[in-house]
Amino acid sequence: MTLAWFTDSMSPAAVGAKGYNLSLMSASGLPVPPGFCIPVNTMNSLCRVEFEEAFARLSAVSVAVRSSAIGEDAGNASFAGIHATRLNIRTAARAWEALQEIRESGV
């Protein structure tokens, strides 16, 4: 599984706490907008075509592209905001660029 949709079962070790909690809320029937996470173990193998197809499936006017680092918010430390976030992304090409920027922001 290269992408994990909010409607899929996820683990925090695979997608981080934000993605995991969105999947739990979706499974509970709460109104969660459509979205997906890229599991950490598949980030390097994600191809642009698959990403752009998933973006198209969202049918959204605009999206947010953000990190959900594994262990970002723990009992003894918080790293929230350490990676960049890009908001109001309107095209698949710009979303792909934003994804690359966010990946590089944690280096």
C-alpha atoms as a PDB file:
ATOM      1  CA  MET A   1       0.000   0.000   0.000  1.00  0.00           C
ATOM      2  CA  THR A   2       1.723   3.168  -1.181  1.00  0.00           C
ATOM      3  CA  LEU A   3      -1.050   5.519  -0.079  1.00  0.00           C
ATOM      4  CA  ALA A   4      -3.294   5.194   2.961  1.00  0.00           C
ATOM      5  CA  TRP A   5      -6.680   6.880   2.628  1.00  0.00           C
ATOM      6  CA  PHE A   6      -8.326   8.290   5.744  1.00  0.00           C
ATOM      7  CA  THR A   7     -10.954   5.549   5.314  1.00  0.00           C
ATOM      8  CA  ASP A   8      -8.227   2.856   5.537  1.00  0.00           C
ATOM      9  CA  SER A   9      -7.027   1.265   8.744  1.00  0.00           C
ATOM     10  CA  MET A  10      -3.658   2.812   9.692  1.00  0.00           C
ATOM     11  CA  SER A  11      -1.138   2.722  12.491  1.00  0.00           C
ATOM     12  CA  PRO A  12       0.591   5.725  14.036  1.00  0.00           C
ATOM     13  CA  ALA A  13       3.941   4.033  13.365  1.00  0.00           C
ATOM     14  CA  ALA A  14       3.170   4.068   9.637  1.00  0.00           C
ATOM     15  CA  VAL A  15       1.595   7.504   9.131  1.00  0.00           C
ATOM     16  CA  GLY A  16       2.088   9.517  12.318  1.00  0.00           C
ATOM     17  CA  ALA A  17      -0.472  10.640  14.856  1.00  0.00           C
ATOM     18  CA  LYS A  18      -2.369  13.109  12.639  1.00  0.00           C
ATOM     19  CA  GLY A  19      -3.076  10.607   9.883  1.00  0.00           C
ATOM     20  CA  TYR A  20      -3.845   7.853  12.350  1.00  0.00           C
ATOM     21  CA  ASN A  21      -6.345  10.000  14.245  1.00  0.00           C
ATOM     22  CA  LEU A  22      -8.021  11.104  11.015  1.00  0.00           C
ATOM     23  CA  SER A  23      -8.478   7.437  10.100  1.00  0.00           C
ATOM     24  CA  LEU A  24      -9.995   6.716  13.536  1.00  0.00           C
ATOM     25  CA  MET A  25     -12.394   9.644  13.224  1.00  0.00           C
ATOM     26  CA  SER A  26     -13.382   8.521   9.731  1.00  0.00           C
ATOM     27  CA  ALA A  27     -13.985   4.964  10.960  1.00  0.00           C
ATOM     28  CA  SER A  28     -16.144   6.372  13.771  1.00  0.00           C
ATOM     29  CA  GLY A  29     -18.400   8.094  11.251  1.00  0.00           C
ATOM     30  CA  LEU A  30     -17.261  11.633  11.982  1.00  0.00           C
ATOM     31  CA  PRO A  31     -17.272  14.063   9.040  1.00  0.00           C
ATOM     32  CA  VAL A  32     -13.675  13.866   7.850  1.00  0.00           C
ATOM     33  CA  PRO A  33     -12.921  15.350   4.425  1.00  0.00           C
ATOM     34  CA  PRO A  34     -11.387  12.927   1.936  1.00  0.00           C
ATOM     35  CA  GLY A  35      -7.636  12.671   2.158  1.00  0.00           C
ATOM     36  CA  PHE A  36      -4.683  10.356   2.266  1.00  0.00           C
ATOM     37  CA  CYS A  37      -1.343   9.815   3.929  1.00  0.00           C
ATOM     38  CA  ILE A  38       1.891   8.521   2.516  1.00  0.00           C
ATOM     39  CA  PRO A  39       3.234   5.892   4.926  1.00  0.00           C
ATOM     40  CA  VAL A  40       6.820   6.518   5.931  1.00  0.00           C
ATOM     41  CA  ASN A  41       8.015   3.186   4.495  1.00  0.00           C
ATOM     42  CA  THR A  42       6.635   4.028   1.040  1.00  0.00           C
ATOM     43  CA  MET A  43       7.636   7.695   0.803  1.00  0.00           C
ATOM     44  CA  ASN A  44      10.696   6.963  -1.327  1.00  0.00           C
ATOM     45  CA  SER A  45       8.841   4.635  -3.688  1.00  0.00           C
ATOM     46  CA  LEU A  46       5.848   6.900  -4.344  1.00  0.00           C
ATOM     47  CA  CYS A  47       5.603   7.730  -8.020  1.00  0.00           C
ATOM     48  CA  ARG A  48       4.291  11.047  -9.250  1.00  0.00           C
ATOM     49  CA  VAL A  49       1.583   9.446 -11.430  1.00  0.00           C
ATOM     50  CA  GLU A  50       0.083   7.571  -8.467  1.00  0.00           C
ATOM     51  CA  PHE A  51       0.192  10.748  -6.355  1.00  0.00           C
ATOM     52  CA  GLU A  52      -1.496  12.833  -9.060  1.00  0.00           C
ATOM     53  CA  GLU A  53      -4.203  10.187  -9.546  1.00  0.00           C
ATOM     54  CA  ALA A  54      -4.914  10.249  -5.809  1.00  0.00           C
ATOM     55  CA  PHE A  55      -5.020  14.049  -5.865  1.00  0.00           C
ATOM     56  CA  ALA A  56      -7.587  13.928  -8.677  1.00  0.00           C
ATOM     57  CA  ARG A  57      -9.664  11.420  -6.695  1.00  0.00           C
ATOM     58  CA  LEU A  58     -10.002  14.002  -3.911  1.00  0.00           C
ATOM     59  CA  SER A  59     -12.049  16.301  -6.174  1.00  0.00           C
ATOM     60  CA  ALA A  60     -11.116  19.184  -3.873  1.00  0.00           C
ATOM     61  CA  VAL A  61     -10.862  22.849  -4.765  1.00  0.00           C
ATOM     62  CA  SER A  62      -7.740  23.147  -2.623  1.00  0.00           C
ATOM     63  CA  VAL A  63      -5.805  20.991  -0.181  1.00  0.00           C
ATOM     64  CA  ALA A  64      -3.219  21.227   2.577  1.00  0.00           C
ATOM     65  CA  VAL A  65       0.043  19.324   2.243  1.00  0.00           C
ATOM     66  CA  ARG A  66       1.643  18.773   5.617  1.00  0.00           C
ATOM     67  CA  SER A  67       3.914  16.458   7.533  1.00  0.00           C
ATOM     68  CA  SER A  68       2.935  14.060  10.255  1.00  0.00           C
ATOM     69  CA  ALA A  69       6.284  12.973  11.584  1.00  0.00           C
ATOM     70  CA  ILE A  70       6.405   9.703  13.476  1.00  0.00           C
ATOM     71  CA  GLY A  71       6.634  10.489  17.180  1.00  0.00           C
ATOM     72  CA  GLU A  72       6.065  14.185  16.535  1.00  0.00           C
ATOM     73  CA  ASP A  73       4.066  14.655  19.718  1.00  0.00           C
ATOM     74  CA  ALA A  74       5.221  12.436  22.540  1.00  0.00           C
ATOM     75  CA  GLY A  75       4.890  12.587  26.301  1.00  0.00           C
ATOM     76  CA  ASN A  76       8.416  13.916  26.723  1.00  0.00           C
ATOM     77  CA  ALA A  77       8.877  16.065  23.605  1.00  0.00           C
ATOM     78  CA  SER A  78       6.958  17.854  20.889  1.00  0.00           C
ATOM     79  CA  PHE A  79       8.196  18.580  17.402  1.00  0.00           C
ATOM     80  CA  ALA A  80       4.975  20.027  16.022  1.00  0.00           C
ATOM     81  CA  GLY A  81       5.653  22.554  13.290  1.00  0.00           C
ATOM     82  CA  ILE A  82       9.219  21.395  12.675  1.00  0.00           C
ATOM     83  CA  HIS A  83       8.371  20.596   9.042  1.00  0.00           C
ATOM     84  CA  ALA A  84       6.873  23.015   6.545  1.00  0.00           C
ATOM     85  CA  THR A  85       3.154  23.042   5.728  1.00  0.00           C
ATOM     86  CA  ARG A  86       1.680  24.228   2.426  1.00  0.00           C
ATOM     87  CA  LEU A  87      -1.925  25.412   2.308  1.00  0.00           C
ATOM     88  CA  ASN A  88      -4.404  26.237  -0.447  1.00  0.00           C
ATOM     89  CA  ILE A  89      -2.772  23.951  -3.015  1.00  0.00           C
ATOM     90  CA  ARG A  90      -4.968  23.772  -6.105  1.00  0.00           C
ATOM     91  CA  THR A  91      -3.169  21.547  -8.614  1.00  0.00           C
ATOM     92  CA  ALA A  92      -1.620  18.094  -8.533  1.00  0.00           C
ATOM     93  CA  ALA A  93       1.659  19.471  -9.877  1.00  0.00           C
ATOM     94  CA  ARG A  94       1.857  22.070  -7.097  1.00  0.00           C
ATOM     95  CA  ALA A  95       0.906  19.430  -4.498  1.00  0.00           C
ATOM     96  CA  TRP A  96       3.775  17.240  -5.708  1.00  0.00           C
ATOM     97  CA  GLU A  97       6.161  20.201  -5.430  1.00  0.00           C
ATOM     98  CA  ALA A  98       4.850  20.967  -1.936  1.00  0.00           C
ATOM     99  CA  LEU A  99       5.424  17.352  -0.915  1.00  0.00           C
ATOM    100  CA  GLN A 100       9.055  17.615  -2.009  1.00  0.00           C
ATOM    101  CA  GLU A 101       9.489  20.936  -0.151  1.00  0.00           C
ATOM    102  CA  ILE A 102       8.085  19.428   3.041  1.00  0.00           C
ATOM    103  CA  ARG A 103      10.323  16.382   2.793  1.00  0.00           C
ATOM    104  CA  GLU A 104      13.338  18.654   2.428  1.00  0.00           C
ATOM    105  CA  SER A 105      12.261  20.906   5.319  1.00  0.00           C
ATOM    106  CA  GLY A 106      13.030  18.166   7.834  1.00  0.00           C
ATOM    107  CA  VAL A 107      16.560  17.590   6.607  1.00  0.00           C
END
